[in-house]
C-alpha atoms as a PDB file:
ATOM      1  CA  MET A   1      16.048   8.032  25.172  1.00  0.00           C
ATOM      2  CA  ALA A   2      13.856   5.315  23.732  1.00  0.00           C
ATOM      3  CA  ALA A   3      10.608   4.798  25.579  1.00  0.00           C
ATOM      4  CA  ASN A   4       9.292   1.342  26.244  1.00  0.00           C
ATOM      5  CA  GLU A   5       6.003   0.904  24.583  1.00  0.00           C
ATOM      6  CA  THR A   6       3.579  -1.835  25.478  1.00  0.00           C
ATOM      7  CA  VAL A   7       1.415  -2.873  22.495  1.00  0.00           C
ATOM      8  CA  THR A   8      -1.902  -4.542  23.301  1.00  0.00           C
ATOM      9  CA  ARG A   9      -2.383  -7.240  20.746  1.00  0.00           C
ATOM     10  CA  ASP A  10      -6.156  -6.994  20.586  1.00  0.00           C
ATOM     11  CA  ASP A  11      -6.546  -7.317  16.807  1.00  0.00           C
ATOM     12  CA  ARG A  12      -7.977  -3.933  16.497  1.00  0.00           C
ATOM     13  CA  VAL A  13      -8.594  -2.215  13.122  1.00  0.00           C
ATOM     14  CA  LEU A  14      -7.047   1.234  13.251  1.00  0.00           C
ATOM     15  CA  THR A  15      -8.906   4.413  12.411  1.00  0.00           C
ATOM     16  CA  TYR A  16      -6.407   5.103   9.620  1.00  0.00           C
ATOM     17  CA  THR A  17      -7.230   1.828   8.054  1.00  0.00           C
ATOM     18  CA  ARG A  18     -11.002   2.310   8.276  1.00  0.00           C
ATOM     19  CA  GLY A  19     -10.689   5.808   6.846  1.00  0.00           C
ATOM     20  CA  LEU A  20      -8.398   4.838   3.998  1.00  0.00           C
ATOM     21  CA  SER A  21     -10.868   2.046   2.991  1.00  0.00           C
ATOM     22  CA  LEU A  22     -13.782   4.487   2.931  1.00  0.00           C
ATOM     23  CA  PHE A  23     -11.727   6.798   0.767  1.00  0.00           C
ATOM     24  CA  ILE A  24     -10.763   4.182  -1.752  1.00  0.00           C
ATOM     25  CA  ALA A  25     -14.140   2.315  -2.132  1.00  0.00           C
ATOM     26  CA  PRO A  26     -16.022   5.080  -4.111  1.00  0.00           C
ATOM     27  CA  PHE A  27     -13.287   5.190  -6.824  1.00  0.00           C
ATOM     28  CA  LEU A  28     -13.639   1.419  -7.251  1.00  0.00           C
ATOM     29  CA  LEU A  29     -17.439   1.595  -7.396  1.00  0.00           C
ATOM     30  CA  VAL A  30     -17.372   4.284 -10.041  1.00  0.00           C
ATOM     31  CA  ALA A  31     -14.827   2.391 -12.070  1.00  0.00           C
ATOM     32  CA  PHE A  32     -16.950  -0.777 -11.833  1.00  0.00           C
ATOM     33  CA  VAL A  33     -20.087   1.006 -13.206  1.00  0.00           C
ATOM     34  CA  LEU A  34     -18.150   2.490 -16.086  1.00  0.00           C
ATOM     35  CA  LEU A  35     -16.314  -0.626 -17.149  1.00  0.00           C
ATOM     36  CA  TYR A  36     -18.917  -3.302 -16.464  1.00  0.00           C
ATOM     37  CA  PHE A  37     -21.954  -1.575 -17.899  1.00  0.00           C
ATOM     38  CA  PHE A  38     -20.250   0.473 -20.615  1.00  0.00           C
ATOM     39  CA  PRO A  39     -17.260  -1.649 -21.627  1.00  0.00           C
ATOM     40  CA  GLY A  40     -17.426  -0.434 -25.254  1.00  0.00           C
ATOM     41  CA  ASP A  41     -16.975   3.269 -24.234  1.00  0.00           C
ATOM     42  CA  THR A  42     -13.633   3.206 -22.608  1.00  0.00           C
ATOM     43  CA  LYS A  43     -12.265   5.650 -25.112  1.00  0.00           C
ATOM     44  CA  GLN A  44     -14.567   8.333 -23.762  1.00  0.00           C
ATOM     45  CA  LEU A  45     -14.954   7.197 -20.185  1.00  0.00           C
ATOM     46  CA  PHE A  46     -11.681   5.628 -18.984  1.00  0.00           C
ATOM     47  CA  ALA A  47      -8.015   6.153 -18.636  1.00  0.00           C
ATOM     48  CA  TRP A  48      -7.263   4.420 -21.879  1.00  0.00           C
ATOM     49  CA  THR A  49      -9.031   2.692 -24.697  1.00  0.00           C
ATOM     50  CA  ILE A  50      -9.517  -1.010 -23.946  1.00  0.00           C
ATOM     51  CA  ARG A  51     -10.464  -3.544 -26.502  1.00  0.00           C
ATOM     52  CA  PRO A  52     -12.195  -6.025 -26.541  1.00  0.00           C
ATOM     53  CA  THR A  53     -14.966  -5.638 -24.036  1.00  0.00           C
ATOM     54  CA  MET A  54     -14.035  -8.671 -21.988  1.00  0.00           C
ATOM     55  CA  THR A  55     -10.961  -7.042 -20.525  1.00  0.00           C
ATOM     56  CA  PRO A  56     -12.728  -3.958 -19.060  1.00  0.00           C
ATOM     57  CA  MET A  57     -15.442  -6.195 -17.596  1.00  0.00           C
ATOM     58  CA  VAL A  58     -12.783  -8.433 -15.897  1.00  0.00           C
ATOM     59  CA  LEU A  59     -11.147  -5.353 -14.462  1.00  0.00           C
ATOM     60  CA  ALA A  60     -14.551  -4.104 -13.322  1.00  0.00           C
ATOM     61  CA  SER A  61     -15.174  -7.392 -11.615  1.00  0.00           C
ATOM     62  CA  ALA A  62     -11.937  -6.996  -9.618  1.00  0.00           C
ATOM     63  CA  TYR A  63     -12.985  -3.437  -8.826  1.00  0.00           C
ATOM     64  CA  LEU A  64     -16.303  -4.486  -7.333  1.00  0.00           C
ATOM     65  CA  GLY A  65     -14.644  -7.186  -5.361  1.00  0.00           C
ATOM     66  CA  GLY A  66     -12.214  -4.585  -4.072  1.00  0.00           C
ATOM     67  CA  ALA A  67     -15.067  -2.163  -3.248  1.00  0.00           C
ATOM     68  CA  TYR A  68     -16.852  -4.874  -1.292  1.00  0.00           C
ATOM     69  CA  PHE A  69     -13.654  -5.640   0.625  1.00  0.00           C
ATOM     70  CA  PHE A  70     -13.011  -2.047   1.540  1.00  0.00           C
ATOM     71  CA  LEU A  71     -16.611  -1.288   2.503  1.00  0.00           C
ATOM     72  CA  ARG A  72     -16.426  -4.208   4.948  1.00  0.00           C
ATOM     73  CA  VAL A  73     -13.282  -2.832   6.618  1.00  0.00           C
ATOM     74  CA  PRO A  74     -14.965  -0.088   8.709  1.00  0.00           C
ATOM     75  CA  ARG A  75     -17.229  -2.683  10.378  1.00  0.00           C
ATOM     76  CA  ALA A  76     -14.676  -5.448  10.725  1.00  0.00           C
ATOM     77  CA  PRO A  77     -14.139  -6.258  14.371  1.00  0.00           C
ATOM     78  CA  ARG A  78     -10.747  -7.917  13.909  1.00  0.00           C
ATOM     79  CA  TRP A  79      -7.685  -7.289  11.836  1.00  0.00           C
ATOM     80  CA  ASN A  80      -7.002 -10.988  11.062  1.00  0.00           C
ATOM     81  CA  ALA A  81     -10.003 -10.958   8.663  1.00  0.00           C
ATOM     82  CA  LEU A  82      -8.346  -8.170   6.574  1.00  0.00           C
ATOM     83  CA  LYS A  83      -4.612  -8.637   6.644  1.00  0.00           C
ATOM     84  CA  THR A  84      -4.197 -10.931   3.572  1.00  0.00           C
ATOM     85  CA  GLY A  85      -6.469  -8.696   1.544  1.00  0.00           C
ATOM     86  CA  PHE A  86      -4.371  -5.587   2.233  1.00  0.00           C
ATOM     87  CA  LEU A  87      -1.204  -7.424   1.077  1.00  0.00           C
ATOM     88  CA  SER A  88      -2.771  -8.652  -2.127  1.00  0.00           C
ATOM     89  CA  VAL A  89      -4.198  -5.224  -2.927  1.00  0.00           C
ATOM     90  CA  THR A  90      -0.799  -3.622  -2.310  1.00  0.00           C
ATOM     91  CA  LEU A  91       0.686  -6.026  -4.904  1.00  0.00           C
ATOM     92  CA  PHE A  92      -2.184  -5.368  -7.381  1.00  0.00           C
ATOM     93  CA  ALA A  93      -1.885  -1.608  -7.093  1.00  0.00           C
ATOM     94  CA  THR A  94       1.889  -1.726  -7.329  1.00  0.00           C
ATOM     95  CA  LEU A  95       1.796  -3.712 -10.566  1.00  0.00           C
ATOM     96  CA  LEU A  96      -0.765  -1.367 -12.115  1.00  0.00           C
ATOM     97  CA  GLY A  97       1.365   1.584 -11.132  1.00  0.00           C
ATOM     98  CA  ILE A  98       4.347  -0.037 -12.860  1.00  0.00           C
ATOM     99  CA  ALA A  99       2.272  -0.936 -15.908  1.00  0.00           C
ATOM    100  CA  THR A 100       1.200   2.716 -16.145  1.00  0.00           C
ATOM    101  CA  ILE A 101       4.881   3.836 -16.341  1.00  0.00           C
ATOM    102  CA  ILE A 102       5.768   1.110 -18.844  1.00  0.00           C
ATOM    103  CA  HIS A 103       2.850   1.860 -21.221  1.00  0.00           C
ATOM    104  CA  TRP A 104       2.677   5.638 -20.528  1.00  0.00           C
ATOM    105  CA  ASP A 105       2.039   6.424 -24.180  1.00  0.00           C
ATOM    106  CA  LYS A 106      -1.038   4.170 -24.329  1.00  0.00           C
ATOM    107  CA  PHE A 107      -3.040   6.277 -21.867  1.00  0.00           C
ATOM    108  CA  SER A 108      -5.377   9.122 -22.677  1.00  0.00           C
ATOM    109  CA  HIS A 109      -3.525  11.948 -20.893  1.00  0.00           C
ATOM    110  CA  GLY A 110      -6.276  14.413 -21.682  1.00  0.00           C
ATOM    111  CA  GLN A 111      -8.865  12.492 -19.748  1.00  0.00           C
ATOM    112  CA  VAL A 112      -9.658  13.266 -16.070  1.00  0.00           C
ATOM    113  CA  ALA A 113     -10.025   9.502 -15.645  1.00  0.00           C
ATOM    114  CA  PHE A 114      -6.337   9.031 -16.481  1.00  0.00           C
ATOM    115  CA  TRP A 115      -5.131  11.428 -13.800  1.00  0.00           C
ATOM    116  CA  LEU A 116      -7.451   9.775 -11.285  1.00  0.00           C
ATOM    117  CA  TRP A 117      -6.025   6.428 -12.330  1.00  0.00           C
ATOM    118  CA  ALA A 118      -2.434   7.640 -12.112  1.00  0.00           C
ATOM    119  CA  GLY A 119      -3.032   9.355  -8.769  1.00  0.00           C
ATOM    120  CA  LEU A 120      -4.616   6.301  -7.308  1.00  0.00           C
ATOM    121  CA  TYR A 121      -1.961   3.745  -8.474  1.00  0.00           C
ATOM    122  CA  PHE A 122       0.964   5.977  -7.703  1.00  0.00           C
ATOM    123  CA  THR A 123      -0.240   6.472  -4.064  1.00  0.00           C
ATOM    124  CA  ALA A 124      -2.383   3.413  -3.168  1.00  0.00           C
ATOM    125  CA  PRO A 125       0.496   0.895  -2.858  1.00  0.00           C
ATOM    126  CA  PHE A 126       2.157   2.998  -0.190  1.00  0.00           C
ATOM    127  CA  LEU A 127      -1.115   3.957   1.617  1.00  0.00           C
ATOM    128  CA  VAL A 128      -2.505   0.410   1.685  1.00  0.00           C
ATOM    129  CA  PHE A 129       0.819  -1.123   2.716  1.00  0.00           C
ATOM    130  CA  CYS A 130       1.112   1.468   5.540  1.00  0.00           C
ATOM    131  CA  GLY A 131      -2.273   0.355   6.682  1.00  0.00           C
ATOM    132  CA  TRP A 132      -1.103  -3.261   6.825  1.00  0.00           C
ATOM    133  CA  LEU A 133       2.168  -2.332   8.527  1.00  0.00           C
ATOM    134  CA  ALA A 134       0.407  -0.190  11.162  1.00  0.00           C
ATOM    135  CA  ASN A 135      -2.218  -2.821  12.004  1.00  0.00           C
ATOM    136  CA  ARG A 136       0.255  -5.630  12.024  1.00  0.00           C
ATOM    137  CA  ARG A 137       1.605  -4.390  15.412  1.00  0.00           C
ATOM    138  CA  PHE A 138      -1.817  -5.145  17.003  1.00  0.00           C
ATOM    139  CA  ALA A 139      -2.319  -8.613  15.410  1.00  0.00           C
ATOM    140  CA  ALA A 140      -3.565 -11.099  17.976  1.00  0.00           C
ATOM    141  CA  PRO A 141      -2.584 -14.795  17.932  1.00  0.00           C
ATOM    142  CA  ALA A 142      -5.217 -17.405  17.146  1.00  0.00           C
ATOM    143  CA  GLY A 143      -7.392 -18.619  19.975  1.00  0.00           C
ATOM    144  CA  ALA A 144      -7.434 -22.338  20.727  1.00  0.00           C
ATOM    145  CA  ASP A 145     -11.167 -22.560  19.996  1.00  0.00           C
ATOM    146  CA  GLU A 146     -11.186 -20.734  16.656  1.00  0.00           C
ATOM    147  CA  PRO A 147     -12.290 -22.786  13.599  1.00  0.00           C
ATOM    148  CA  ARG A 148      -9.511 -23.648  11.223  1.00  0.00           C
ATOM    149  CA  LEU A 149      -9.247 -25.164   7.825  1.00  0.00           C
ATOM    150  CA  GLY A 150      -8.312 -28.867   7.679  1.00  0.00           C
ATOM    151  CA  SER A 151      -5.007 -29.878   6.257  1.00  0.00           C
ATOM    152  CA  VAL A 152      -6.466 -30.714   2.792  1.00  0.00           C
ATOM    153  CA  GLY A 153      -8.442 -27.450   2.579  1.00  0.00           C
ATOM    154  CA  ARG A 154      -5.409 -25.500   3.785  1.00  0.00           C
ATOM    155  CA  TRP A 155      -3.165 -26.944   1.041  1.00  0.00           C
ATOM    156  CA  VAL A 156      -5.725 -26.565  -1.649  1.00  0.00           C
ATOM    157  CA  VAL A 157      -6.469 -22.914  -0.934  1.00  0.00           C
ATOM    158  CA  GLY A 158      -2.776 -22.073  -0.416  1.00  0.00           C
ATOM    159  CA  LEU A 159      -1.587 -23.781  -3.584  1.00  0.00           C
ATOM    160  CA  VAL A 160      -4.417 -22.173  -5.637  1.00  0.00           C
ATOM    161  CA  GLY A 161      -3.299 -18.840  -4.260  1.00  0.00           C
ATOM    162  CA  LEU A 162       0.360 -19.603  -5.084  1.00  0.00           C
ATOM    163  CA  LEU A 163      -0.556 -20.707  -8.647  1.00  0.00           C
ATOM    164  CA  ALA A 164      -2.575 -17.468  -9.165  1.00  0.00           C
ATOM    165  CA  LEU A 165       0.382 -15.410  -7.988  1.00  0.00           C
ATOM    166  CA  ILE A 166       2.831 -17.218 -10.236  1.00  0.00           C
ATOM    167  CA  GLN A 167       0.580 -16.932 -13.301  1.00  0.00           C
ATOM    168  CA  GLY A 168      -0.043 -13.269 -12.597  1.00  0.00           C
ATOM    169  CA  ILE A 169       3.655 -12.467 -12.225  1.00  0.00           C
ATOM    170  CA  VAL A 170       4.636 -14.366 -15.339  1.00  0.00           C
ATOM    171  CA  MET A 171       1.886 -12.605 -17.318  1.00  0.00           C
ATOM    172  CA  PHE A 172       3.115  -9.260 -16.101  1.00  0.00           C
ATOM    173  CA  LEU A 173       6.777  -9.981 -16.843  1.00  0.00           C
ATOM    174  CA  VAL A 174       6.507 -11.727 -20.160  1.00  0.00           C
ATOM    175  CA  PRO A 175       3.115 -10.846 -21.739  1.00  0.00           C
ATOM    176  CA  ALA A 176       4.286 -11.951 -25.211  1.00  0.00           C
ATOM    177  CA  GLN A 177       4.194 -15.595 -23.992  1.00  0.00           C
ATOM    178  CA  PHE A 178       0.486 -15.335 -23.092  1.00  0.00           C
ATOM    179  CA  ILE A 179      -0.980 -13.103 -25.841  1.00  0.00           C
ATOM    180  CA  PRO A 180      -0.993 -15.878 -28.515  1.00  0.00           C
ATOM    181  CA  ILE A 181      -2.710 -18.458 -26.282  1.00  0.00           C
ATOM    182  CA  TRP A 182      -5.158 -16.264 -24.259  1.00  0.00           C
ATOM    183  CA  PRO A 183      -8.910 -16.949 -24.680  1.00  0.00           C
ATOM    184  CA  TRP A 184      -9.507 -13.402 -25.909  1.00  0.00           C
ATOM    185  CA  THR A 185      -7.409 -10.676 -27.510  1.00  0.00           C
ATOM    186  CA  LEU A 186      -4.776  -9.012 -25.249  1.00  0.00           C
ATOM    187  CA  THR A 187      -2.226  -6.344 -25.739  1.00  0.00           C
ATOM    188  CA  PRO A 188       0.957  -6.052 -23.606  1.00  0.00           C
ATOM    189  CA  LEU A 189      -0.702  -3.543 -21.405  1.00  0.00           C
ATOM    190  CA  THR A 190      -3.982  -5.498 -20.961  1.00  0.00           C
ATOM    191  CA  CYS A 191      -2.074  -8.711 -20.351  1.00  0.00           C
ATOM    192  CA  ARG A 192      -0.239  -7.018 -17.543  1.00  0.00           C
ATOM    193  CA  VAL A 193      -3.433  -5.698 -16.121  1.00  0.00           C
ATOM    194  CA  VAL A 194      -4.995  -9.174 -16.204  1.00  0.00           C
ATOM    195  CA  GLY A 195      -1.836 -10.534 -14.611  1.00  0.00           C
ATOM    196  CA  ALA A 196      -2.261  -8.047 -11.795  1.00  0.00           C
ATOM    197  CA  ILE A 197      -5.780  -9.177 -11.293  1.00  0.00           C
ATOM    198  CA  PHE A 198      -4.648 -12.836 -10.967  1.00  0.00           C
ATOM    199  CA  CYS A 199      -2.207 -11.694  -8.300  1.00  0.00           C
ATOM    200  CA  LEU A 200      -5.163 -10.783  -6.105  1.00  0.00           C
ATOM    201  CA  GLY A 201      -5.548 -14.483  -5.632  1.00  0.00           C
ATOM    202  CA  SER A 202      -2.342 -14.470  -3.705  1.00  0.00           C
ATOM    203  CA  ALA A 203      -4.490 -13.703  -0.582  1.00  0.00           C
ATOM    204  CA  GLY A 204      -5.057 -17.446  -0.444  1.00  0.00           C
ATOM    205  CA  ILE A 205      -1.373 -18.101   0.419  1.00  0.00           C
ATOM    206  CA  GLY A 206      -2.108 -16.604   3.809  1.00  0.00           C
ATOM    207  CA  VAL A 207      -3.701 -19.880   4.985  1.00  0.00           C
ATOM    208  CA  PHE A 208      -0.256 -21.454   5.165  1.00  0.00           C
ATOM    209  CA  VAL A 209       0.654 -19.019   7.989  1.00  0.00           C
ATOM    210  CA  ASP A 210      -2.858 -18.496   9.453  1.00  0.00           C
ATOM    211  CA  PRO A 211      -5.365 -21.199   8.675  1.00  0.00           C
ATOM    212  CA  ARG A 212      -8.241 -19.697  10.716  1.00  0.00           C
ATOM    213  CA  TRP A 213     -11.598 -19.590   8.946  1.00  0.00           C
ATOM    214  CA  THR A 214     -11.979 -15.979   9.981  1.00  0.00           C
ATOM    215  CA  THR A 215      -8.796 -15.083   8.020  1.00  0.00           C
ATOM    216  CA  LEU A 216     -10.250 -16.637   4.817  1.00  0.00           C
ATOM    217  CA  ARG A 217     -13.927 -15.854   5.216  1.00  0.00           C
ATOM    218  CA  LEU A 218     -14.051 -12.370   3.687  1.00  0.00           C
ATOM    219  CA  MET A 219     -11.482 -13.314   0.953  1.00  0.00           C
ATOM    220  CA  LEU A 220     -13.737 -16.138  -0.048  1.00  0.00           C
ATOM    221  CA  GLN A 221     -16.671 -13.749  -0.434  1.00  0.00           C
ATOM    222  CA  VAL A 222     -14.608 -11.394  -2.529  1.00  0.00           C
ATOM    223  CA  GLU A 223     -13.390 -14.239  -4.744  1.00  0.00           C
ATOM    224  CA  PHE A 224     -16.921 -15.574  -5.207  1.00  0.00           C
ATOM    225  CA  LEU A 225     -18.170 -12.153  -6.254  1.00  0.00           C
ATOM    226  CA  MET A 226     -15.324 -11.504  -8.647  1.00  0.00           C
ATOM    227  CA  ILE A 227     -15.473 -14.864 -10.427  1.00  0.00           C
ATOM    228  CA  SER A 228     -19.278 -14.742 -10.698  1.00  0.00           C
ATOM    229  CA  LEU A 229     -19.099 -11.370 -12.337  1.00  0.00           C
ATOM    230  CA  MET A 230     -16.353 -12.549 -14.689  1.00  0.00           C
ATOM    231  CA  LEU A 231     -18.439 -15.596 -15.827  1.00  0.00           C
ATOM    232  CA  VAL A 232     -21.418 -13.272 -16.452  1.00  0.00           C
ATOM    233  CA  ALA A 233     -19.071 -11.042 -18.490  1.00  0.00           C
ATOM    234  CA  ALA A 234     -17.878 -14.075 -20.457  1.00  0.00           C
ATOM    235  CA  VAL A 235     -21.433 -14.764 -21.505  1.00  0.00           C
ATOM    236  CA  ARG A 236     -21.893 -11.149 -22.540  1.00  0.00           C
ATOM    237  CA  ALA A 237     -18.606 -11.101 -24.478  1.00  0.00           C
ATOM    238  CA  LEU A 238     -18.925 -14.729 -25.890  1.00  0.00           C
ATOM    239  CA  PRO A 239     -18.140 -13.742 -29.579  1.00  0.00           C
ATOM    240  CA  GLU A 240     -14.774 -12.372 -28.384  1.00  0.00           C
ATOM    241  CA  PHE A 241     -13.563 -15.823 -27.186  1.00  0.00           C
ATOM    242  CA  ASP A 242     -11.397 -18.124 -29.322  1.00  0.00           C
ATOM    243  CA  THR A 243     -12.914 -21.556 -28.503  1.00  0.00           C
ATOM    244  CA  SER A 244     -10.116 -23.292 -30.420  1.00  0.00           C
ATOM    245  CA  ARG A 245      -7.591 -22.394 -27.738  1.00  0.00           C
ATOM    246  CA  PRO A 246      -7.258 -24.947 -24.899  1.00  0.00           C
ATOM    247  CA  LEU A 247      -6.779 -22.212 -22.353  1.00  0.00           C
ATOM    248  CA  THR A 248     -10.340 -20.970 -22.986  1.00  0.00           C
ATOM    249  CA  TRP A 249     -11.776 -24.256 -21.625  1.00  0.00           C
ATOM    250  CA  LEU A 250      -9.127 -24.666 -18.979  1.00  0.00           C
ATOM    251  CA  MET A 251      -9.964 -21.247 -17.551  1.00  0.00           C
ATOM    252  CA  LEU A 252     -13.713 -22.047 -17.621  1.00  0.00           C
ATOM    253  CA  VAL A 253     -13.056 -25.259 -15.721  1.00  0.00           C
ATOM    254  CA  GLY A 254     -10.839 -23.530 -13.243  1.00  0.00           C
ATOM    255  CA  PHE A 255     -13.294 -20.697 -12.584  1.00  0.00           C
ATOM    256  CA  VAL A 256     -16.220 -23.063 -12.114  1.00  0.00           C
ATOM    257  CA  GLY A 257     -14.034 -25.306  -9.907  1.00  0.00           C
ATOM    258  CA  ALA A 258     -13.044 -22.286  -7.758  1.00  0.00           C
ATOM    259  CA  LEU A 259     -16.691 -21.371  -7.250  1.00  0.00           C
ATOM    260  CA  LEU A 260     -17.665 -24.900  -6.305  1.00  0.00           C
ATOM    261  CA  GLY A 261     -14.712 -25.218  -3.972  1.00  0.00           C
ATOM    262  CA  SER A 262     -15.577 -21.901  -2.327  1.00  0.00           C
ATOM    263  CA  ALA A 263     -19.169 -22.910  -1.906  1.00  0.00           C
ATOM    264  CA  TYR A 264     -18.049 -26.228  -0.226  1.00  0.00           C
ATOM    265  CA  LEU A 265     -15.784 -24.409   2.174  1.00  0.00           C
ATOM    266  CA  TRP A 266     -18.545 -21.950   3.051  1.00  0.00           C
ATOM    267  CA  PHE A 267     -20.980 -24.770   3.751  1.00  0.00           C
ATOM    268  CA  ALA A 268     -18.419 -26.803   5.684  1.00  0.00           C
ATOM    269  CA  LEU A 269     -17.148 -23.962   7.898  1.00  0.00           C
ATOM    270  CA  GLU A 270     -19.999 -21.489   7.996  1.00  0.00           C
ATOM    271  CA  VAL A 271     -23.298 -23.197   7.375  1.00  0.00           C
ATOM    272  CA  ARG A 272     -22.803 -26.628   8.867  1.00  0.00           C
ATOM    273  CA  PRO A 273     -21.627 -25.410  12.267  1.00  0.00           C
ATOM    274  CA  ARG A 274     -24.705 -23.140  12.431  1.00  0.00           C
ATOM    275  CA  LEU A 275     -26.983 -26.002  11.601  1.00  0.00           C
ATOM    276  CA  ARG A 276     -25.315 -28.183  14.283  1.00  0.00           C
ATOM    277  CA  ASN A 277     -25.714 -25.414  16.890  1.00  0.00           C
ATOM    278  CA  ALA A 278     -29.402 -24.916  15.878  1.00  0.00           C
ATOM    279  CA  SER A 279     -30.151 -28.621  16.254  1.00  0.00           C
ATOM    280  CA  ARG A 280     -28.697 -28.967  19.757  1.00  0.00           C
ATOM    281  CA  PRO A 281     -31.345 -29.128  22.481  1.00  0.00           C
ATOM    282  CA  VAL A 282     -31.534 -26.122  24.786  1.00  0.00           C
ATOM    283  CA  VAL A 283     -30.518 -26.987  28.358  1.00  0.00           C
ATOM    284  CA  THR A 284     -32.578 -25.215  30.970  1.00  0.00           C
END
């Protein structure tokens, strides 16, 4: 006999989700340190040899963004701030797991780092998605007084997320089309890895369904951190770029534009309301 269960939609973050986040974060932090500060030593330190150094630093940037996200989960008061991130991480981890199978012979099977990599990406897609699925039952509807993106901001953020998803999927499916035009040297494996990183931007698509500022706020912080680290990495790896390729400059403009757009949204929806509230006279 099926029991009737009343679910309180209070937007809670489940203990499972908090615990899973604390479990994943240290792996991402260690990988960030190895790849960002020692990008030329991947043969000894990582799951496979990655050349040139720009690619491991880009992956490291994504890892630190992910670590920041997961470290924020245990203290997050509401699920709506996390839900789009869990879905984009599920997609990212799924693609890297598939890439591992496709390019199995490229990995250093004798390295402990490889088995940690394989263990993480063969399990994380299911664990993270289960967290999303379990928390979804308690998702609360938006309140009438919650700040929302305007229609222009909503469409810009959503379309940028959609374009990032499309680019990432195409890079993953047909890497041969991108390798000749990419700003730095890629292999089929690293092209798929970079494509998976672009798919993290799919979190922006969530604003089409839920345009609340609280839904986008943490994702914007993660994006700002990741892109900033990638731009610093680009300066460090400057000789590795082919400046004759149009995509080099197009990507630079896109990344700088994303940072400026994120800064504007933060000012408009986070800083400006605080300034307004601070300037209001206190009624006694």
